[in-house]
Amino acid sequence: MTVVQKSTESVRDAAWKLADYNMQVSPDLTGIYLFPAENIIRLVLLDPVTIPSEEMVPYYFNAYPQGGVSYPSAIVVIRPEEKAFLPPPPDWGGWETAIQLWPSE
């Protein structure tokens, strides 16, 4: 059971923090996208050095307020070229709903 703690920080603000952390630890990333949701951070990381994927499979993490992540998160890592043909997980919406966090447009 995942407990969602109330936070004064928005999901989008928390997503920016998580995206920033991922950019620092994975300098090869070429893009980070947020799929909006109310109580979870859903990110897709574009990583040219990851293994090829046949589908977008999210890894789920609990909130970690002590580490600055106030919402649970789901992260998918795919190669940049896979964005053109892999659909997001079924309940995430389409690529047209994604918000490009990095690089910022």
PDB file of N, CA and C in Angstrom:
ATOM      1  N   MET A   1       0.846  -1.182   0.000  1.00  0.00           N
ATOM      2  CA  MET A   1       0.000   0.000   0.000  1.00  0.00           C
ATOM      3  C   MET A   1       0.887   1.239   0.000  1.00  0.00           C
ATOM      4  N   THR A   2       0.633   2.145  -0.916  1.00  0.00           N
ATOM      5  CA  THR A   2       1.389   3.383  -1.003  1.00  0.00           C
ATOM      6  C   THR A   2       0.628   4.485  -0.294  1.00  0.00           C
ATOM      7  N   VAL A   3       1.312   5.167   0.590  1.00  0.00           N
ATOM      8  CA  VAL A   3       0.707   6.277   1.309  1.00  0.00           C
ATOM      9  C   VAL A   3       1.127   7.562   0.616  1.00  0.00           C
ATOM     10  N   VAL A   4       0.158   8.359   0.225  1.00  0.00           N
ATOM     11  CA  VAL A   4       0.430   9.641  -0.414  1.00  0.00           C
ATOM     12  C   VAL A   4       0.298  10.718   0.646  1.00  0.00           C
ATOM     13  N   GLN A   5       1.397  11.393   0.911  1.00  0.00           N
ATOM     14  CA  GLN A   5       1.363  12.457   1.898  1.00  0.00           C
ATOM     15  C   GLN A   5       0.978  13.758   1.216  1.00  0.00           C
ATOM     16  N   LYS A   6       0.238  14.566   1.931  1.00  0.00           N
ATOM     17  CA  LYS A   6      -0.132  15.871   1.397  1.00  0.00           C
ATOM     18  C   LYS A   6       1.101  16.755   1.363  1.00  0.00           C
ATOM     19  N   SER A   7       1.216  17.533   0.332  1.00  0.00           N
ATOM     20  CA  SER A   7       2.365  18.403   0.167  1.00  0.00           C
ATOM     21  C   SER A   7       1.882  19.751  -0.342  1.00  0.00           C
ATOM     22  N   THR A   8       2.602  20.782   0.023  1.00  0.00           N
ATOM     23  CA  THR A   8       2.281  22.096  -0.503  1.00  0.00           C
ATOM     24  C   THR A   8       2.959  22.301  -1.858  1.00  0.00           C
ATOM     25  N   GLU A   9       3.877  21.409  -2.200  1.00  0.00           N
ATOM     26  CA  GLU A   9       4.571  21.469  -3.472  1.00  0.00           C
ATOM     27  C   GLU A   9       3.716  20.797  -4.554  1.00  0.00           C
ATOM     28  N   SER A  10       3.673  21.371  -5.735  1.00  0.00           N
ATOM     29  CA  SER A  10       2.897  20.769  -6.822  1.00  0.00           C
ATOM     30  C   SER A  10       3.646  19.571  -7.409  1.00  0.00           C
ATOM     31  N   VAL A  11       2.909  18.704  -8.065  1.00  0.00           N
ATOM     32  CA  VAL A  11       3.529  17.561  -8.733  1.00  0.00           C
ATOM     33  C   VAL A  11       4.544  18.060  -9.756  1.00  0.00           C
ATOM     34  N   ARG A  12       4.186  19.104 -10.488  1.00  0.00           N
ATOM     35  CA  ARG A  12       5.101  19.626 -11.519  1.00  0.00           C
ATOM     36  C   ARG A  12       6.397  20.158 -10.908  1.00  0.00           C
ATOM     37  N   ASP A  13       6.307  20.867  -9.786  1.00  0.00           N
ATOM     38  CA  ASP A  13       7.518  21.361  -9.114  1.00  0.00           C
ATOM     39  C   ASP A  13       8.377  20.200  -8.624  1.00  0.00           C
ATOM     40  N   ALA A  14       7.731  19.194  -8.063  1.00  0.00           N
ATOM     41  CA  ALA A  14       8.457  18.013  -7.599  1.00  0.00           C
ATOM     42  C   ALA A  14       9.086  17.277  -8.782  1.00  0.00           C
ATOM     43  N   ALA A  15       8.385  17.241  -9.912  1.00  0.00           N
ATOM     44  CA  ALA A  15       8.913  16.585 -11.111  1.00  0.00           C
ATOM     45  C   ALA A  15      10.166  17.300 -11.607  1.00  0.00           C
ATOM     46  N   TRP A  16      10.164  18.629 -11.537  1.00  0.00           N
ATOM     47  CA  TRP A  16      11.354  19.400 -11.939  1.00  0.00           C
ATOM     48  C   TRP A  16      12.547  19.012 -11.088  1.00  0.00           C
ATOM     49  N   LYS A  17      12.342  18.860  -9.779  1.00  0.00           N
ATOM     50  CA  LYS A  17      13.436  18.465  -8.887  1.00  0.00           C
ATOM     51  C   LYS A  17      13.969  17.091  -9.263  1.00  0.00           C
ATOM     52  N   LEU A  18      13.056  16.157  -9.505  1.00  0.00           N
ATOM     53  CA  LEU A  18      13.450  14.801  -9.858  1.00  0.00           C
ATOM     54  C   LEU A  18      14.144  14.780 -11.225  1.00  0.00           C
ATOM     55  N   ALA A  19      13.651  15.565 -12.163  1.00  0.00           N
ATOM     56  CA  ALA A  19      14.285  15.668 -13.479  1.00  0.00           C
ATOM     57  C   ALA A  19      15.695  16.241 -13.339  1.00  0.00           C
ATOM     58  N   ASP A  20      15.851  17.269 -12.539  1.00  0.00           N
ATOM     59  CA  ASP A  20      17.161  17.879 -12.323  1.00  0.00           C
ATOM     60  C   ASP A  20      18.141  16.867 -11.742  1.00  0.00           C
ATOM     61  N   TYR A  21      17.679  16.100 -10.766  1.00  0.00           N
ATOM     62  CA  TYR A  21      18.534  15.076 -10.170  1.00  0.00           C
ATOM     63  C   TYR A  21      18.964  14.068 -11.236  1.00  0.00           C
ATOM     64  N   ASN A  22      18.028  13.610 -12.055  1.00  0.00           N
ATOM     65  CA  ASN A  22      18.355  12.633 -13.098  1.00  0.00           C
ATOM     66  C   ASN A  22      19.325  13.201 -14.123  1.00  0.00           C
ATOM     67  N   MET A  23      19.206  14.477 -14.452  1.00  0.00           N
ATOM     68  CA  MET A  23      20.141  15.100 -15.389  1.00  0.00           C
ATOM     69  C   MET A  23      21.546  15.125 -14.801  1.00  0.00           C
ATOM     70  N   GLN A  24      21.654  15.337 -13.495  1.00  0.00           N
ATOM     71  CA  GLN A  24      22.965  15.388 -12.848  1.00  0.00           C
ATOM     72  C   GLN A  24      23.637  14.024 -12.795  1.00  0.00           C
ATOM     73  N   VAL A  25      22.870  12.981 -12.500  1.00  0.00           N
ATOM     74  CA  VAL A  25      23.467  11.647 -12.364  1.00  0.00           C
ATOM     75  C   VAL A  25      23.570  10.899 -13.690  1.00  0.00           C
ATOM     76  N   SER A  26      22.854  11.348 -14.706  1.00  0.00           N
ATOM     77  CA  SER A  26      22.879  10.700 -16.026  1.00  0.00           C
ATOM     78  C   SER A  26      23.125  11.758 -17.101  1.00  0.00           C
ATOM     79  N   PRO A  27      24.365  12.197 -17.258  1.00  0.00           N
ATOM     80  CA  PRO A  27      24.642  13.298 -18.195  1.00  0.00           C
ATOM     81  C   PRO A  27      24.378  12.965 -19.661  1.00  0.00           C
ATOM     82  N   ASP A  28      24.191  11.682 -20.005  1.00  0.00           N
ATOM     83  CA  ASP A  28      23.910  11.312 -21.394  1.00  0.00           C
ATOM     84  C   ASP A  28      22.461  11.540 -21.795  1.00  0.00           C
ATOM     85  N   LEU A  29      21.577  11.846 -20.846  1.00  0.00           N
ATOM     86  CA  LEU A  29      20.159  12.037 -21.169  1.00  0.00           C
ATOM     87  C   LEU A  29      20.002  13.125 -22.221  1.00  0.00           C
ATOM     88  N   THR A  30      19.070  12.896 -23.156  1.00  0.00           N
ATOM     89  CA  THR A  30      18.812  13.898 -24.194  1.00  0.00           C
ATOM     90  C   THR A  30      17.446  14.546 -24.046  1.00  0.00           C
ATOM     91  N   GLY A  31      16.617  14.046 -23.131  1.00  0.00           N
ATOM     92  CA  GLY A  31      15.303  14.631 -22.914  1.00  0.00           C
ATOM     93  C   GLY A  31      14.608  14.010 -21.724  1.00  0.00           C
ATOM     94  N   ILE A  32      13.737  14.796 -21.102  1.00  0.00           N
ATOM     95  CA  ILE A  32      12.903  14.313 -19.998  1.00  0.00           C
ATOM     96  C   ILE A  32      11.509  14.882 -20.194  1.00  0.00           C
ATOM     97  N   TYR A  33      10.514  13.979 -20.139  1.00  0.00           N
ATOM     98  CA  TYR A  33       9.114  14.360 -20.332  1.00  0.00           C
ATOM     99  C   TYR A  33       8.297  14.003 -19.107  1.00  0.00           C
ATOM    100  N   LEU A  34       7.374  14.884 -18.758  1.00  0.00           N
ATOM    101  CA  LEU A  34       6.430  14.666 -17.672  1.00  0.00           C
ATOM    102  C   LEU A  34       5.058  14.382 -18.269  1.00  0.00           C
ATOM    103  N   PHE A  35       4.440  13.296 -17.807  1.00  0.00           N
ATOM    104  CA  PHE A  35       3.056  12.996 -18.174  1.00  0.00           C
ATOM    105  C   PHE A  35       2.197  13.403 -16.983  1.00  0.00           C
ATOM    106  N   PRO A  36       1.435  14.489 -17.113  1.00  0.00           N
ATOM    107  CA  PRO A  36       0.708  15.057 -15.973  1.00  0.00           C
ATOM    108  C   PRO A  36      -0.233  14.071 -15.283  1.00  0.00           C
ATOM    109  N   ALA A  37      -0.255  14.167 -13.961  1.00  0.00           N
ATOM    110  CA  ALA A  37      -1.157  13.394 -13.106  1.00  0.00           C
ATOM    111  C   ALA A  37      -1.288  14.162 -11.800  1.00  0.00           C
ATOM    112  N   GLU A  38      -2.324  13.846 -11.029  1.00  0.00           N
ATOM    113  CA  GLU A  38      -2.568  14.598  -9.801  1.00  0.00           C
ATOM    114  C   GLU A  38      -1.649  14.247  -8.641  1.00  0.00           C
ATOM    115  N   ASN A  39      -1.427  12.957  -8.404  1.00  0.00           N
ATOM    116  CA  ASN A  39      -0.708  12.561  -7.198  1.00  0.00           C
ATOM    117  C   ASN A  39       0.487  11.660  -7.441  1.00  0.00           C
ATOM    118  N   ILE A  40       1.035  11.710  -8.643  1.00  0.00           N
ATOM    119  CA  ILE A  40       2.217  10.909  -8.962  1.00  0.00           C
ATOM    120  C   ILE A  40       3.033  11.628 -10.028  1.00  0.00           C
ATOM    121  N   ILE A  41       4.342  11.505  -9.916  1.00  0.00           N
ATOM    122  CA  ILE A  41       5.259  12.048 -10.918  1.00  0.00           C
ATOM    123  C   ILE A  41       5.488  10.945 -11.938  1.00  0.00           C
ATOM    124  N   ARG A  42       5.181  11.211 -13.210  1.00  0.00           N
ATOM    125  CA  ARG A  42       5.380  10.218 -14.272  1.00  0.00           C
ATOM    126  C   ARG A  42       6.340  10.799 -15.302  1.00  0.00           C
ATOM    127  N   LEU A  43       7.560  10.268 -15.321  1.00  0.00           N
ATOM    128  CA  LEU A  43       8.600  10.792 -16.199  1.00  0.00           C
ATOM    129  C   LEU A  43       9.044   9.755 -17.218  1.00  0.00           C
ATOM    130  N   VAL A  44       9.391  10.237 -18.400  1.00  0.00           N
ATOM    131  CA  VAL A  44      10.069   9.431 -19.410  1.00  0.00           C
ATOM    132  C   VAL A  44      11.426  10.090 -19.642  1.00  0.00           C
ATOM    133  N   LEU A  45      12.481   9.293 -19.471  1.00  0.00           N
ATOM    134  CA  LEU A  45      13.847   9.763 -19.686  1.00  0.00           C
ATOM    135  C   LEU A  45      14.341   9.204 -21.008  1.00  0.00           C
ATOM    136  N   LEU A  46      14.901  10.055 -21.850  1.00  0.00           N
ATOM    137  CA  LEU A  46      15.475   9.623 -23.127  1.00  0.00           C
ATOM    138  C   LEU A  46      16.978   9.458 -22.928  1.00  0.00           C
ATOM    139  N   ASP A  47      17.422   8.210 -23.023  1.00  0.00           N
ATOM    140  CA  ASP A  47      18.815   7.867 -22.729  1.00  0.00           C
ATOM    141  C   ASP A  47      19.410   7.078 -23.894  1.00  0.00           C
ATOM    142  N   PRO A  48      20.354   7.674 -24.635  1.00  0.00           N
ATOM    143  CA  PRO A  48      20.898   7.002 -25.812  1.00  0.00           C
ATOM    144  C   PRO A  48      21.748   5.772 -25.494  1.00  0.00           C
ATOM    145  N   VAL A  49      22.119   5.576 -24.239  1.00  0.00           N
ATOM    146  CA  VAL A  49      22.967   4.430 -23.903  1.00  0.00           C
ATOM    147  C   VAL A  49      22.213   3.295 -23.223  1.00  0.00           C
ATOM    148  N   THR A  50      20.890   3.428 -23.077  1.00  0.00           N
ATOM    149  CA  THR A  50      20.112   2.343 -22.490  1.00  0.00           C
ATOM    150  C   THR A  50      19.852   1.273 -23.552  1.00  0.00           C
ATOM    151  N   ILE A  51      19.489   0.087 -23.119  1.00  0.00           N
ATOM    152  CA  ILE A  51      19.206  -0.982 -24.070  1.00  0.00           C
ATOM    153  C   ILE A  51      17.890  -0.690 -24.793  1.00  0.00           C
ATOM    154  N   PRO A  52      17.738  -1.150 -26.019  1.00  0.00           N
ATOM    155  CA  PRO A  52      16.480  -0.929 -26.753  1.00  0.00           C
ATOM    156  C   PRO A  52      15.292  -1.558 -26.024  1.00  0.00           C
ATOM    157  N   SER A  53      14.121  -0.946 -26.195  1.00  0.00           N
ATOM    158  CA  SER A  53      12.897  -1.400 -25.533  1.00  0.00           C
ATOM    159  C   SER A  53      11.871  -1.848 -26.564  1.00  0.00           C
ATOM    160  N   GLU A  54      11.012  -2.763 -26.146  1.00  0.00           N
ATOM    161  CA  GLU A  54       9.884  -3.154 -26.992  1.00  0.00           C
ATOM    162  C   GLU A  54       8.603  -2.477 -26.531  1.00  0.00           C
ATOM    163  N   GLU A  55       8.617  -1.982 -25.294  1.00  0.00           N
ATOM    164  CA  GLU A  55       7.482  -1.241 -24.759  1.00  0.00           C
ATOM    165  C   GLU A  55       7.978  -0.368 -23.614  1.00  0.00           C
ATOM    166  N   MET A  56       7.164   0.602 -23.251  1.00  0.00           N
ATOM    167  CA  MET A  56       7.511   1.501 -22.147  1.00  0.00           C
ATOM    168  C   MET A  56       7.007   0.881 -20.845  1.00  0.00           C
ATOM    169  N   VAL A  57       7.952   0.455 -20.016  1.00  0.00           N
ATOM    170  CA  VAL A  57       7.622  -0.185 -18.746  1.00  0.00           C
ATOM    171  C   VAL A  57       8.113   0.715 -17.621  1.00  0.00           C
ATOM    172  N   PRO A  58       7.191   1.277 -16.816  1.00  0.00           N
ATOM    173  CA  PRO A  58       7.608   2.178 -15.739  1.00  0.00           C
ATOM    174  C   PRO A  58       8.148   1.421 -14.523  1.00  0.00           C
ATOM    175  N   TYR A  59       9.119   2.042 -13.884  1.00  0.00           N
ATOM    176  CA  TYR A  59       9.600   1.613 -12.571  1.00  0.00           C
ATOM    177  C   TYR A  59       8.934   2.542 -11.568  1.00  0.00           C
ATOM    178  N   TYR A  60       8.329   1.967 -10.524  1.00  0.00           N
ATOM    179  CA  TYR A  60       7.584   2.760  -9.547  1.00  0.00           C
ATOM    180  C   TYR A  60       8.380   2.909  -8.259  1.00  0.00           C
ATOM    181  N   PHE A  61       8.309   4.113  -7.688  1.00  0.00           N
ATOM    182  CA  PHE A  61       9.005   4.442  -6.454  1.00  0.00           C
ATOM    183  C   PHE A  61       8.043   5.135  -5.500  1.00  0.00           C
ATOM    184  N   ASN A  62       8.174   4.842  -4.224  1.00  0.00           N
ATOM    185  CA  ASN A  62       7.372   5.537  -3.215  1.00  0.00           C
ATOM    186  C   ASN A  62       7.873   6.962  -3.050  1.00  0.00           C
ATOM    187  N   ALA A  63       7.037   7.794  -2.469  1.00  0.00           N
ATOM    188  CA  ALA A  63       7.475   9.147  -2.105  1.00  0.00           C
ATOM    189  C   ALA A  63       8.646   9.007  -1.134  1.00  0.00           C
ATOM    190  N   TYR A  64       9.533   9.986  -1.175  1.00  0.00           N
ATOM    191  CA  TYR A  64      10.698   9.991  -0.291  1.00  0.00           C
ATOM    192  C   TYR A  64      10.903  11.418   0.215  1.00  0.00           C
ATOM    193  N   PRO A  65      10.009  11.874   1.106  1.00  0.00           N
ATOM    194  CA  PRO A  65      10.068  13.262   1.564  1.00  0.00           C
ATOM    195  C   PRO A  65      11.417  13.659   2.164  1.00  0.00           C
ATOM    196  N   GLN A  66      12.071  12.715   2.852  1.00  0.00           N
ATOM    197  CA  GLN A  66      13.377  13.020   3.444  1.00  0.00           C
ATOM    198  C   GLN A  66      14.407  13.372   2.368  1.00  0.00           C
ATOM    199  N   GLY A  67      14.230  12.831   1.176  1.00  0.00           N
ATOM    200  CA  GLY A  67      15.139  13.106   0.070  1.00  0.00           C
ATOM    201  C   GLY A  67      14.633  14.175  -0.873  1.00  0.00           C
ATOM    202  N   GLY A  68      13.507  14.794  -0.540  1.00  0.00           N
ATOM    203  CA  GLY A  68      12.986  15.891  -1.342  1.00  0.00           C
ATOM    204  C   GLY A  68      11.978  15.496  -2.407  1.00  0.00           C
ATOM    205  N   VAL A  69      11.541  14.226  -2.413  1.00  0.00           N
ATOM    206  CA  VAL A  69      10.543  13.784  -3.394  1.00  0.00           C
ATOM    207  C   VAL A  69       9.247  13.525  -2.635  1.00  0.00           C
ATOM    208  N   SER A  70       8.319  14.460  -2.739  1.00  0.00           N
ATOM    209  CA  SER A  70       7.114  14.420  -1.913  1.00  0.00           C
ATOM    210  C   SER A  70       5.957  13.630  -2.532  1.00  0.00           C
ATOM    211  N   TYR A  71       6.152  13.067  -3.708  1.00  0.00           N
ATOM    212  CA  TYR A  71       5.122  12.269  -4.374  1.00  0.00           C
ATOM    213  C   TYR A  71       5.725  10.942  -4.819  1.00  0.00           C
ATOM    214  N   PRO A  72       4.905   9.910  -4.932  1.00  0.00           N
ATOM    215  CA  PRO A  72       5.413   8.691  -5.570  1.00  0.00           C
ATOM    216  C   PRO A  72       5.735   9.014  -7.024  1.00  0.00           C
ATOM    217  N   SER A  73       6.578   8.184  -7.625  1.00  0.00           N
ATOM    218  CA  SER A  73       6.968   8.457  -9.007  1.00  0.00           C
ATOM    219  C   SER A  73       7.002   7.180  -9.827  1.00  0.00           C
ATOM    220  N   ALA A  74       6.873   7.373 -11.121  1.00  0.00           N
ATOM    221  CA  ALA A  74       6.996   6.298 -12.102  1.00  0.00           C
ATOM    222  C   ALA A  74       7.935   6.820 -13.177  1.00  0.00           C
ATOM    223  N   ILE A  75       8.973   6.042 -13.474  1.00  0.00           N
ATOM    224  CA  ILE A  75       9.983   6.486 -14.438  1.00  0.00           C
ATOM    225  C   ILE A  75      10.178   5.417 -15.499  1.00  0.00           C
ATOM    226  N   VAL A  76      10.186   5.863 -16.744  1.00  0.00           N
ATOM    227  CA  VAL A  76      10.454   4.998 -17.890  1.00  0.00           C
ATOM    228  C   VAL A  76      11.729   5.520 -18.545  1.00  0.00           C
ATOM    229  N   VAL A  77      12.605   4.599 -18.935  1.00  0.00           N
ATOM    230  CA  VAL A  77      13.829   4.979 -19.645  1.00  0.00           C
ATOM    231  C   VAL A  77      13.804   4.294 -21.007  1.00  0.00           C
ATOM    232  N   ILE A  78      13.887   5.118 -22.059  1.00  0.00           N
ATOM    233  CA  ILE A  78      13.911   4.594 -23.423  1.00  0.00           C
ATOM    234  C   ILE A  78      14.994   5.313 -24.216  1.00  0.00           C
ATOM    235  N   ARG A  79      15.328   4.753 -25.365  1.00  0.00           N
ATOM    236  CA  ARG A  79      16.274   5.412 -26.268  1.00  0.00           C
ATOM    237  C   ARG A  79      15.546   6.576 -26.961  1.00  0.00           C
ATOM    238  N   PRO A  80      16.251   7.651 -27.314  1.00  0.00           N
ATOM    239  CA  PRO A  80      15.593   8.810 -27.940  1.00  0.00           C
ATOM    240  C   PRO A  80      14.781   8.467 -29.187  1.00  0.00           C
ATOM    241  N   GLU A  81      15.291   7.588 -30.038  1.00  0.00           N
ATOM    242  CA  GLU A  81      14.579   7.256 -31.278  1.00  0.00           C
ATOM    243  C   GLU A  81      13.300   6.462 -31.012  1.00  0.00           C
ATOM    244  N   GLU A  82      13.183   5.827 -29.847  1.00  0.00           N
ATOM    245  CA  GLU A  82      11.991   5.042 -29.535  1.00  0.00           C
ATOM    246  C   GLU A  82      10.773   5.921 -29.236  1.00  0.00           C
ATOM    247  N   LYS A  83      11.015   7.177 -28.938  1.00  0.00           N
ATOM    248  CA  LYS A  83       9.904   8.104 -28.700  1.00  0.00           C
ATOM    249  C   LYS A  83       8.997   8.188 -29.933  1.00  0.00           C
ATOM    250  N   ALA A  84       9.561   7.983 -31.101  1.00  0.00           N
ATOM    251  CA  ALA A  84       8.791   8.092 -32.344  1.00  0.00           C
ATOM    252  C   ALA A  84       7.789   6.951 -32.545  1.00  0.00           C
ATOM    253  N   PHE A  85       7.998   5.804 -31.873  1.00  0.00           N
ATOM    254  CA  PHE A  85       7.098   4.677 -32.150  1.00  0.00           C
ATOM    255  C   PHE A  85       6.602   3.923 -30.912  1.00  0.00           C
ATOM    256  N   LEU A  86       7.127   4.189 -29.730  1.00  0.00           N
ATOM    257  CA  LEU A  86       6.622   3.514 -28.532  1.00  0.00           C
ATOM    258  C   LEU A  86       5.536   4.356 -27.872  1.00  0.00           C
ATOM    259  N   PRO A  87       4.359   3.786 -27.672  1.00  0.00           N
ATOM    260  CA  PRO A  87       3.316   4.549 -26.971  1.00  0.00           C
ATOM    261  C   PRO A  87       3.582   4.536 -25.459  1.00  0.00           C
ATOM    262  N   PRO A  88       3.160   5.581 -24.763  1.00  0.00           N
ATOM    263  CA  PRO A  88       3.281   5.607 -23.308  1.00  0.00           C
ATOM    264  C   PRO A  88       2.431   4.500 -22.669  1.00  0.00           C
ATOM    265  N   PRO A  89       2.680   4.191 -21.407  1.00  0.00           N
ATOM    266  CA  PRO A  89       1.827   3.210 -20.716  1.00  0.00           C
ATOM    267  C   PRO A  89       0.356   3.605 -20.869  1.00  0.00           C
ATOM    268  N   PRO A  90      -0.547   2.615 -20.906  1.00  0.00           N
ATOM    269  CA  PRO A  90      -1.962   2.864 -21.234  1.00  0.00           C
ATOM    270  C   PRO A  90      -2.648   3.974 -20.444  1.00  0.00           C
ATOM    271  N   ASP A  91      -2.397   4.090 -19.165  1.00  0.00           N
ATOM    272  CA  ASP A  91      -3.108   5.090 -18.370  1.00  0.00           C
ATOM    273  C   ASP A  91      -2.394   6.438 -18.296  1.00  0.00           C
ATOM    274  N   TRP A  92      -1.358   6.632 -19.098  1.00  0.00           N
ATOM    275  CA  TRP A  92      -0.592   7.884 -19.069  1.00  0.00           C
ATOM    276  C   TRP A  92      -1.078   8.912 -20.078  1.00  0.00           C
ATOM    277  N   GLY A  93      -1.894   8.546 -21.006  1.00  0.00           N
ATOM    278  CA  GLY A  93      -2.271   9.462 -22.082  1.00  0.00           C
ATOM    279  C   GLY A  93      -1.282   9.316 -23.221  1.00  0.00           C
ATOM    280  N   GLY A  94      -1.412  10.157 -24.228  1.00  0.00           N
ATOM    281  CA  GLY A  94      -0.528  10.092 -25.387  1.00  0.00           C
ATOM    282  C   GLY A  94       0.635  11.056 -25.273  1.00  0.00           C
ATOM    283  N   TRP A  95       1.564  10.938 -26.213  1.00  0.00           N
ATOM    284  CA  TRP A  95       2.713  11.853 -26.233  1.00  0.00           C
ATOM    285  C   TRP A  95       2.271  13.310 -26.335  1.00  0.00           C
ATOM    286  N   GLU A  96       1.089  13.543 -26.937  1.00  0.00           N
ATOM    287  CA  GLU A  96       0.628  14.935 -27.085  1.00  0.00           C
ATOM    288  C   GLU A  96       0.310  15.578 -25.735  1.00  0.00           C
ATOM    289  N   THR A  97       0.132  14.784 -24.678  1.00  0.00           N
ATOM    290  CA  THR A  97      -0.138  15.337 -23.344  1.00  0.00           C
ATOM    291  C   THR A  97       1.140  15.552 -22.534  1.00  0.00           C
ATOM    292  N   ALA A  98       2.267  15.046 -23.034  1.00  0.00           N
ATOM    293  CA  ALA A  98       3.527  15.149 -22.296  1.00  0.00           C
ATOM    294  C   ALA A  98       4.060  16.573 -22.295  1.00  0.00           C
ATOM    295  N   ILE A  99       4.695  16.913 -21.196  1.00  0.00           N
ATOM    296  CA  ILE A  99       5.339  18.229 -21.043  1.00  0.00           C
ATOM    297  C   ILE A  99       6.843  18.008 -21.071  1.00  0.00           C
ATOM    298  N   GLN A 100       7.512  18.642 -22.010  1.00  0.00           N
ATOM    299  CA  GLN A 100       8.967  18.492 -22.106  1.00  0.00           C
ATOM    300  C   GLN A 100       9.611  19.339 -21.004  1.00  0.00           C
ATOM    301  N   LEU A 101      10.218  18.662 -20.022  1.00  0.00           N
ATOM    302  CA  LEU A 101      10.886  19.376 -18.929  1.00  0.00           C
ATOM    303  C   LEU A 101      12.311  19.768 -19.304  1.00  0.00           C
ATOM    304  N   TRP A 102      12.976  18.873 -20.037  1.00  0.00           N
ATOM    305  CA  TRP A 102      14.367  19.144 -20.405  1.00  0.00           C
ATOM    306  C   TRP A 102      14.678  18.470 -21.730  1.00  0.00           C
ATOM    307  N   PRO A 103      15.404  19.035 -22.656  1.00  0.00           N
ATOM    308  CA  PRO A 103      15.731  20.455 -22.567  1.00  0.00           C
ATOM    309  C   PRO A 103      14.475  21.291 -22.722  1.00  0.00           C
ATOM    310  N   SER A 104      14.446  22.403 -22.056  1.00  0.00           N
ATOM    311  CA  SER A 104      13.250  23.233 -22.118  1.00  0.00           C
ATOM    312  C   SER A 104      13.140  23.861 -23.498  1.00  0.00           C
ATOM    313  N   GLU A 105      11.900  23.937 -23.976  1.00  0.00           N
ATOM    314  CA  GLU A 105      11.657  24.481 -25.322  1.00  0.00           C
ATOM    315  C   GLU A 105      11.644  25.993 -25.295  1.00  0.00           C
TER     316      GLU A 105
END
